[in-house]
Amino acid sequence: MDGAYNLNLRHLDALVEVGRLGNISAAAAKVNLSQPALAQAIAKIEQALKARLFQRHAAGVSTTPAGMRFIPRVQRALRYLSTGVREIRRPARLPGIAHVERRLTMAQLRALVSVAGVNSYATAAEQIGLSQPSLHRAMRDLQQVLKVPLLARSGRAVRATDAANRLVHYTRLMLAELRAGIDEVAALHQAPTGQLRIGVLPVARARFLPAVLAEFCSQHPSASVEIIEGPYAELLARLRQGDMDLMVGSYRESVPARDVQQDILFDDALSVVGRAGHPLQGKSRLATQDLLDHPWVVPARGVPMRLHWERLFAAHGVEPPKLRVQCGSIMLMRGLMLQGDWLTLMSRDQFLLESQAGHLAQIGALGSEFRRRIAMTRRKDWRPTPLQEAFIIMLRTAASKK
């Protein structure tokens, strides 16, 4: 199970109060727990983290280095949860729920995330290893607290409502923040550990990112990296809800989200590319008719490379030819070009790998105005752990040498 789900929301709220007041007795009164119960709750969290969060002394408690790292993460996590609850109750003109973390449980939120993710109690129960009655009970209790419909019946199936999907978004952000806190505490007592989740678009897969990953894994042997590939819209959605730490790919002139930002890493030159032995290979200058006489394979509309391809023909004062194949897969593009005189656009990094293999050749270099910007995309409110910050530094250092 995800380590963040093992934490108790009410205990986390109490932990924040102890850190704020510096006194277990005062915090116990604030959160409506007995002093022994609060002390036991803190002990359970410390046991889960394998770290002391408070130093006890006669006047109360003081926060340890581990507590200084973990408590701010908990505060951010609980803010995400309260924001999510407030946003789904607002359309029904329901007031926010004060200290909602004292009324909800991780079991309820886990049920919500799992059922809403697959729109099925049976599938969710199988995936997380719980019984369907347990999931039904958790969802029923959650809806009773929130007073907002979360699932809609459609025959024997269920469908997550817009409110449910919105709350799932904030729940995932909460979980990401707690995971970051767990990793930061662990890093105090051992080599920096944890997992980075990086979304990668095709442009970054050839040479740049593999080189950074090799250096990072060499310097941080206790860390692990998960590379997540997929369409831009899917990766952006995962980034926004905290399932990924950052995304590396082409800079987008327009990003359909206000809660992310793009940091430009470097500019990558573009070239016209075809198979080795292509009829146009070796020409010092490509004429407009050369570009029109051969078939092209480029990505679908909206992808930065497609926009550059359209600009290429606009610069020659002609309409782009009708595309017979639209494709964003480098492997499929290469295979198609090897079957005939097809052309495409490739970045410098992508082309170097293909040319070294002897399969493809540069047909013509484009001017300086045809350069693709490579960017790192992250959430605006993302607060990287030291391990994540180390990766970003390596990423920017490698980019500065391009």
Protein backbone atom coordinates (compact mmCIF):
# COMPACT_ATOMS: atom_id res chain seq x y z
CA MET A 1 0.00 0.00 0.00
CA ASP A 2 1.06 3.60 -0.61
CA GLY A 3 2.84 4.73 2.57
CA ALA A 4 0.86 7.97 2.60
CA TYR A 5 -2.40 6.03 2.94
CA ASN A 6 -1.06 4.47 6.14
CA LEU A 7 -1.12 7.84 7.88
CA ASN A 8 -4.10 8.97 9.92
CA LEU A 9 -5.64 12.31 8.93
CA ARG A 10 -6.72 13.24 12.44
CA HIS A 11 -3.29 12.34 13.80
CA LEU A 12 -1.66 14.51 11.12
CA ASP A 13 -3.86 17.44 12.15
CA ALA A 14 -2.86 16.88 15.78
CA LEU A 15 0.80 16.74 14.74
CA VAL A 16 0.52 20.19 13.18
CA GLU A 17 -1.04 21.57 16.38
CA VAL A 18 1.76 20.15 18.52
CA GLY A 19 4.32 21.75 16.22
CA ARG A 20 2.47 25.07 16.33
CA LEU A 21 1.92 25.18 20.10
CA GLY A 22 5.04 23.36 21.26
CA ASN A 23 3.03 21.65 23.96
CA ILE A 24 1.24 18.29 23.86
CA SER A 25 -1.29 19.17 26.58
CA ALA A 26 -2.35 22.39 24.83
CA ALA A 27 -2.54 20.63 21.47
CA ALA A 28 -4.60 17.80 22.95
CA ALA A 29 -7.22 20.26 24.14
CA LYS A 30 -7.23 21.94 20.74
CA VAL A 31 -7.90 18.73 18.79
CA ASN A 32 -10.24 17.14 21.35
CA LEU A 33 -7.95 14.25 22.23
CA SER A 34 -6.66 13.17 25.61
CA GLN A 35 -2.99 13.81 26.24
CA PRO A 36 -2.16 10.05 26.29
CA ALA A 37 -4.10 9.55 23.04
CA LEU A 38 -2.23 12.40 21.36
CA ALA A 39 1.13 11.15 22.60
CA GLN A 40 0.27 7.72 21.20
CA ALA A 41 -0.79 9.25 17.87
CA ILE A 42 2.54 11.06 17.54
CA ALA A 43 4.37 7.88 18.44
CA LYS A 44 2.56 6.02 15.64
CA ILE A 45 3.57 8.64 13.07
CA GLU A 46 7.17 8.60 14.30
CA GLN A 47 7.17 4.81 14.09
CA ALA A 48 5.91 4.95 10.50
CA LEU A 49 8.59 7.50 9.58
CA LYS A 50 11.31 5.81 11.66
CA ALA A 51 12.23 9.23 13.00
CA ARG A 52 11.63 11.43 16.05
CA LEU A 53 9.64 14.53 15.18
CA PHE A 54 9.74 16.20 18.60
CA GLN A 55 12.25 16.51 21.39
CA ARG A 56 10.53 16.32 24.79
CA HIS A 57 11.64 18.62 27.61
CA ALA A 58 10.18 20.11 30.79
CA ALA A 59 8.60 23.14 29.11
CA GLY A 60 6.97 21.12 26.32
CA VAL A 61 8.38 19.91 23.02
CA SER A 62 10.61 21.31 20.31
CA THR A 63 10.66 20.24 16.68
CA THR A 64 13.53 18.03 15.50
CA PRO A 65 15.12 18.39 12.03
CA ALA A 66 12.82 15.59 10.85
CA GLY A 67 9.81 17.44 12.23
CA MET A 68 10.93 20.65 10.53
CA ARG A 69 10.82 18.82 7.21
CA PHE A 70 7.69 16.76 7.72
CA ILE A 71 5.28 19.18 9.41
CA PRO A 72 5.32 21.81 6.61
CA ARG A 73 4.54 19.02 4.15
CA VAL A 74 1.61 17.93 6.31
CA GLN A 75 0.32 21.50 6.43
CA ARG A 76 0.44 21.77 2.65
CA ALA A 77 -1.23 18.36 2.30
CA LEU A 78 -4.11 19.26 4.61
CA ARG A 79 -4.59 22.58 2.79
CA TYR A 80 -5.05 20.66 -0.47
CA LEU A 81 -7.69 18.49 1.17
CA SER A 82 -9.60 21.41 2.67
CA THR A 83 -9.43 23.30 -0.64
CA GLY A 84 -10.83 20.31 -2.50
CA VAL A 85 -13.72 19.91 -0.06
CA ARG A 86 -14.48 23.63 -0.17
CA GLU A 87 -14.53 23.65 -3.99
CA ILE A 88 -16.92 20.72 -4.37
CA ARG A 89 -19.37 22.10 -1.77
CA ARG A 90 -19.38 25.65 -3.16
CA PRO A 91 -21.63 24.93 -6.22
CA ALA A 92 -24.31 23.61 -3.83
CA ARG A 93 -23.85 26.75 -1.69
CA LEU A 94 -22.69 24.64 1.21
CA PRO A 95 -20.18 26.20 3.61
CA GLY A 96 -16.71 24.80 4.04
CA ILE A 97 -16.15 22.18 6.72
CA ALA A 98 -13.86 23.41 9.46
CA HIS A 99 -11.05 20.96 10.20
CA VAL A 100 -12.40 18.51 7.65
CA GLU A 101 -9.35 16.31 8.26
CA ARG A 102 -10.89 15.44 11.64
CA ARG A 103 -14.03 14.11 9.96
CA LEU A 104 -12.63 12.19 7.00
CA THR A 105 -10.40 9.13 6.94
CA MET A 106 -7.70 7.91 4.61
CA ALA A 107 -9.79 4.77 4.02
CA GLN A 108 -12.60 6.93 2.66
CA LEU A 109 -10.28 8.92 0.41
CA ARG A 110 -8.59 5.77 -0.83
CA ALA A 111 -12.01 4.33 -1.70
CA LEU A 112 -12.87 7.52 -3.59
CA VAL A 113 -9.63 7.53 -5.61
CA SER A 114 -9.89 3.84 -6.47
CA VAL A 115 -13.59 3.71 -7.37
CA ALA A 116 -13.58 7.00 -9.27
CA GLY A 117 -10.51 5.86 -11.20
CA VAL A 118 -12.19 2.78 -12.67
CA ASN A 119 -15.91 3.57 -12.23
CA SER A 120 -16.44 0.16 -10.69
CA TYR A 121 -16.60 -1.14 -7.13
CA ALA A 122 -15.62 -4.65 -8.21
CA THR A 123 -12.55 -3.58 -10.16
CA ALA A 124 -11.47 -1.13 -7.46
CA ALA A 125 -11.85 -3.77 -4.75
CA GLU A 126 -9.70 -6.19 -6.74
CA GLN A 127 -7.02 -3.59 -7.41
CA ILE A 128 -6.53 -2.48 -3.81
CA GLY A 129 -7.34 -5.76 -2.08
CA LEU A 130 -10.43 -4.72 -0.14
CA SER A 131 -13.92 -6.16 -0.13
CA GLN A 132 -16.70 -4.45 -2.05
CA PRO A 133 -18.78 -3.97 1.13
CA SER A 134 -15.83 -2.10 2.68
CA LEU A 135 -15.63 0.22 -0.33
CA HIS A 136 -19.40 0.77 -0.35
CA ARG A 137 -19.34 1.63 3.35
CA ALA A 138 -16.40 4.01 2.96
CA MET A 139 -18.04 5.83 0.05
CA ARG A 140 -21.35 6.08 1.88
CA ASP A 141 -19.68 7.54 4.97
CA LEU A 142 -17.70 10.00 2.83
CA GLN A 143 -20.81 11.29 1.07
CA GLN A 144 -22.62 11.67 4.38
CA VAL A 145 -19.90 14.01 5.61
CA LEU A 146 -19.55 16.00 2.40
CA LYS A 147 -23.25 16.17 1.50
CA VAL A 148 -22.24 16.11 -2.18
CA PRO A 149 -23.04 13.28 -4.67
CA LEU A 150 -19.80 11.56 -5.65
CA LEU A 151 -21.01 8.60 -7.69
CA ALA A 152 -23.92 8.31 -10.11
CA ARG A 153 -25.54 4.97 -10.93
CA SER A 154 -25.85 3.87 -14.55
CA GLY A 155 -27.48 0.44 -14.48
CA ARG A 156 -25.06 -1.82 -12.63
CA ALA A 157 -22.13 0.52 -13.25
CA VAL A 158 -21.16 3.69 -11.39
CA ARG A 159 -19.78 6.94 -12.72
CA ALA A 160 -17.74 9.50 -10.83
CA THR A 161 -19.42 12.91 -10.72
CA ASP A 162 -17.59 16.12 -11.54
CA ALA A 163 -17.36 16.77 -7.79
CA ALA A 164 -15.74 13.38 -7.23
CA ASN A 165 -13.16 13.96 -9.96
CA ARG A 166 -12.38 17.37 -8.50
CA LEU A 167 -11.88 15.94 -5.03
CA VAL A 168 -9.73 13.13 -6.43
CA HIS A 169 -7.51 15.82 -7.98
CA TYR A 170 -6.89 17.47 -4.62
CA THR A 171 -6.58 14.14 -2.81
CA ARG A 172 -3.80 13.11 -5.16
CA LEU A 173 -2.02 16.41 -4.53
CA MET A 174 -2.37 15.77 -0.79
CA LEU A 175 -0.88 12.29 -1.17
CA ALA A 176 2.00 13.61 -3.29
CA GLU A 177 2.84 16.12 -0.58
CA LEU A 178 2.83 13.44 2.13
CA ARG A 179 5.05 11.17 0.03
CA ALA A 180 7.48 14.04 -0.40
CA GLY A 181 7.53 14.53 3.36
CA ILE A 182 8.22 10.84 3.94
CA ASP A 183 11.11 10.95 1.45
CA GLU A 184 12.58 14.09 3.02
CA VAL A 185 12.60 12.54 6.49
CA ALA A 186 14.18 9.34 5.18
CA ALA A 187 16.92 11.38 3.48
CA LEU A 188 18.05 12.73 6.87
CA HIS A 189 19.23 9.32 8.01
CA GLN A 190 20.51 7.75 4.81
CA ALA A 191 21.61 8.56 1.29
CA PRO A 192 18.90 10.61 -0.46
CA THR A 193 16.17 8.18 -1.34
CA GLY A 194 12.77 8.32 -2.94
CA GLN A 195 11.25 8.06 -6.37
CA LEU A 196 11.12 10.64 -9.12
CA ARG A 197 8.24 10.46 -11.57
CA ILE A 198 9.06 12.19 -14.83
CA GLY A 199 6.74 12.58 -17.78
CA VAL A 200 8.64 12.46 -21.07
CA LEU A 201 7.55 13.46 -24.55
CA PRO A 202 9.31 11.99 -27.63
CA VAL A 203 11.64 14.95 -28.17
CA ALA A 204 13.51 14.32 -24.90
CA ARG A 205 14.01 10.58 -25.24
CA ALA A 206 16.91 10.42 -27.66
CA ARG A 207 20.09 11.72 -26.01
CA PHE A 208 19.52 14.62 -23.63
CA LEU A 209 17.41 13.00 -20.92
CA PRO A 210 19.17 9.59 -20.98
CA ALA A 211 22.47 11.34 -20.28
CA VAL A 212 20.99 13.25 -17.33
CA LEU A 213 19.37 10.09 -15.97
CA ALA A 214 22.64 8.16 -16.15
CA GLU A 215 24.47 10.83 -14.17
CA PHE A 216 21.66 11.17 -11.65
CA CYS A 217 21.43 7.43 -10.97
CA SER A 218 25.21 7.27 -10.61
CA GLN A 219 25.25 10.02 -7.99
CA HIS A 220 22.09 8.85 -6.17
CA PRO A 221 22.16 5.04 -6.10
CA SER A 222 19.41 4.85 -3.45
CA ALA A 223 16.92 6.77 -5.57
CA SER A 224 14.69 5.41 -8.32
CA VAL A 225 13.17 7.09 -11.35
CA GLU A 226 9.92 6.23 -13.09
CA ILE A 227 9.67 7.48 -16.67
CA ILE A 228 6.07 8.00 -17.78
CA GLU A 229 5.28 8.28 -21.48
CA GLY A 230 2.05 9.19 -23.16
CA PRO A 231 0.18 11.91 -25.05
CA TYR A 232 0.75 15.49 -23.90
CA ALA A 233 -2.78 15.96 -22.53
CA GLU A 234 -2.56 12.78 -20.47
CA LEU A 235 0.86 13.65 -19.04
CA LEU A 236 -0.27 17.20 -18.24
CA ALA A 237 -3.28 15.86 -16.33
CA ARG A 238 -1.08 13.53 -14.29
CA LEU A 239 1.38 16.32 -13.57
CA ARG A 240 -1.36 18.66 -12.34
CA GLN A 241 -2.72 16.14 -9.84
CA GLY A 242 0.66 15.23 -8.40
CA ASP A 243 1.09 11.81 -10.02
CA MET A 244 4.26 13.14 -11.68
CA ASP A 245 6.92 15.52 -10.43
CA LEU A 246 7.77 17.21 -13.72
CA MET A 247 7.53 16.81 -17.48
CA VAL A 248 10.21 17.29 -20.13
CA GLY A 249 9.29 17.97 -23.74
CA SER A 250 8.62 20.64 -26.34
CA TYR A 251 7.71 24.12 -25.15
CA ARG A 252 4.06 24.93 -25.80
CA GLU A 253 3.02 28.40 -26.85
CA SER A 254 -0.30 27.84 -25.12
CA VAL A 255 -0.75 25.55 -22.11
CA PRO A 256 -4.37 24.65 -21.26
CA ALA A 257 -3.80 25.04 -17.52
CA ARG A 258 -3.02 27.99 -15.26
CA ASP A 259 -1.50 25.99 -12.43
CA VAL A 260 1.65 24.90 -14.30
CA GLN A 261 4.68 26.74 -15.62
CA GLN A 262 7.23 25.98 -18.31
CA ASP A 263 10.96 26.56 -17.73
CA ILE A 264 12.88 26.68 -21.01
CA LEU A 265 15.94 24.40 -20.99
CA PHE A 266 17.48 24.85 -24.46
CA ASP A 267 16.73 25.37 -28.14
CA ASP A 268 17.07 22.38 -30.46
CA ALA A 269 17.81 22.83 -34.16
CA LEU A 270 15.48 21.13 -36.66
CA SER A 271 16.40 19.37 -39.89
CA VAL A 272 14.58 17.81 -42.82
CA VAL A 273 15.33 14.10 -42.63
CA GLY A 274 14.85 11.15 -44.97
CA ARG A 275 16.31 7.72 -45.57
CA ALA A 276 19.98 7.28 -46.38
CA GLY A 277 20.25 7.49 -50.19
CA HIS A 278 17.16 9.70 -50.52
CA PRO A 279 17.03 11.46 -53.95
CA LEU A 280 17.35 14.85 -52.22
CA GLN A 281 20.37 13.88 -50.12
CA GLY A 282 23.38 16.05 -50.91
CA LYS A 283 21.48 18.99 -52.38
CA SER A 284 22.94 22.25 -51.11
CA ARG A 285 19.56 23.96 -51.06
CA LEU A 286 16.05 22.57 -51.06
CA ALA A 287 13.68 24.20 -53.50
CA THR A 288 9.98 24.62 -52.84
CA GLN A 289 9.17 21.93 -55.39
CA ASP A 290 11.55 19.52 -53.64
CA LEU A 291 9.47 19.87 -50.49
CA LEU A 292 6.23 19.34 -52.41
CA ASP A 293 7.36 16.38 -54.54
CA HIS A 294 7.88 13.93 -51.68
CA PRO A 295 5.48 12.53 -49.08
CA TRP A 296 5.75 13.70 -45.48
CA VAL A 297 5.05 12.05 -42.13
CA VAL A 298 4.63 14.46 -39.20
CA PRO A 299 2.62 14.54 -35.95
CA ALA A 300 -1.02 15.57 -35.69
CA ARG A 301 -2.24 19.16 -35.37
CA GLY A 302 -1.39 21.03 -32.20
CA VAL A 303 1.96 19.32 -31.67
CA PRO A 304 4.89 21.79 -31.84
CA MET A 305 6.67 19.82 -34.57
CA ARG A 306 3.55 20.00 -36.74
CA LEU A 307 3.47 23.79 -36.29
CA HIS A 308 7.10 24.02 -37.45
CA TRP A 309 6.27 21.90 -40.50
CA GLU A 310 3.41 24.22 -41.41
CA ARG A 311 5.68 27.25 -40.94
CA LEU A 312 8.25 25.68 -43.26
CA PHE A 313 5.83 25.77 -46.18
CA ALA A 314 4.48 29.18 -45.19
CA ALA A 315 8.06 30.49 -45.42
CA HIS A 316 8.14 29.21 -49.02
CA GLY A 317 4.83 30.92 -49.75
CA VAL A 318 2.86 27.73 -50.45
CA GLU A 319 0.23 25.63 -48.72
CA PRO A 320 1.51 22.46 -47.05
CA PRO A 321 0.80 19.27 -49.04
CA LYS A 322 -1.97 16.96 -47.90
CA LEU A 323 -0.65 14.55 -45.30
CA ARG A 324 -1.26 10.87 -45.96
CA VAL A 325 0.20 9.77 -42.62
CA GLN A 326 0.16 11.66 -39.31
CA CYS A 327 2.32 10.06 -36.66
CA GLY A 328 4.29 11.10 -33.57
CA SER A 329 6.16 7.83 -33.03
CA ILE A 330 9.82 8.09 -34.03
CA MET A 331 9.97 4.31 -34.50
CA LEU A 332 7.04 4.28 -36.92
CA MET A 333 8.28 7.37 -38.74
CA ARG A 334 11.68 5.80 -39.23
CA GLY A 335 10.15 2.55 -40.46
CA LEU A 336 8.01 4.41 -42.98
CA MET A 337 10.93 6.47 -44.27
CA LEU A 338 12.97 3.32 -44.82
CA GLN A 339 10.21 2.06 -47.12
CA GLY A 340 10.40 4.97 -49.52
CA ASP A 341 11.23 8.62 -50.11
CA TRP A 342 9.26 9.99 -47.17
CA LEU A 343 10.44 13.11 -45.35
CA THR A 344 10.00 14.41 -41.82
CA LEU A 345 11.38 16.98 -39.40
CA MET A 346 13.65 15.88 -36.58
CA SER A 347 15.54 17.59 -33.80
CA ARG A 348 19.32 17.48 -33.72
CA ASP A 349 19.40 14.91 -30.92
CA GLN A 350 16.91 12.59 -32.59
CA PHE A 351 18.68 12.78 -35.93
CA LEU A 352 22.15 12.10 -34.53
CA LEU A 353 21.06 8.74 -33.15
CA GLU A 354 19.42 7.76 -36.43
CA SER A 355 22.35 8.90 -38.57
CA GLN A 356 24.85 7.02 -36.41
CA ALA A 357 22.85 3.86 -37.08
CA GLY A 358 23.18 4.56 -40.81
CA HIS A 359 19.44 4.51 -41.46
CA LEU A 360 18.55 8.16 -41.97
CA ALA A 361 20.28 11.19 -43.42
CA GLN A 362 19.91 14.94 -43.13
CA ILE A 363 18.28 16.22 -46.29
CA GLY A 364 18.48 19.88 -45.44
CA ALA A 365 19.22 22.08 -42.46
CA LEU A 366 16.67 24.76 -41.65
CA GLY A 367 17.38 28.33 -40.62
CA SER A 368 17.83 29.56 -37.07
CA GLU A 369 14.15 30.49 -36.94
CA PHE A 370 13.30 26.78 -37.05
CA ARG A 371 14.41 25.79 -33.59
CA ARG A 372 12.33 23.81 -31.16
CA ARG A 373 12.42 24.88 -27.53
CA ILE A 374 12.73 22.12 -24.97
CA ALA A 375 11.17 22.89 -21.60
CA MET A 376 10.58 21.47 -18.16
CA THR A 377 6.97 21.78 -17.02
CA ARG A 378 6.00 21.69 -13.34
CA ARG A 379 3.19 22.79 -11.05
CA LYS A 380 3.48 26.39 -9.92
CA ASP A 381 2.98 25.44 -6.28
CA TRP A 382 5.30 22.42 -6.43
CA ARG A 383 7.90 22.35 -3.71
CA PRO A 384 10.65 19.89 -4.73
CA THR A 385 12.40 17.66 -2.22
CA PRO A 386 16.22 17.91 -2.02
CA LEU A 387 16.43 14.83 -4.27
CA GLN A 388 14.10 16.35 -6.83
CA GLU A 389 16.00 19.64 -6.64
CA ALA A 390 19.25 17.76 -7.33
CA PHE A 391 17.71 16.32 -10.50
CA ILE A 392 16.52 19.74 -11.65
CA ILE A 393 20.02 21.16 -11.16
CA MET A 394 21.48 18.35 -13.26
CA LEU A 395 18.81 18.93 -15.90
CA ARG A 396 19.60 22.63 -16.15
CA THR A 397 23.36 22.08 -16.07
CA ALA A 398 23.13 19.63 -18.98
CA ALA A 399 20.84 22.03 -20.85
CA SER A 400 23.31 24.89 -20.44
CA LYS A 401 25.92 22.86 -22.33
CA LYS A 402 23.70 22.25 -25.34
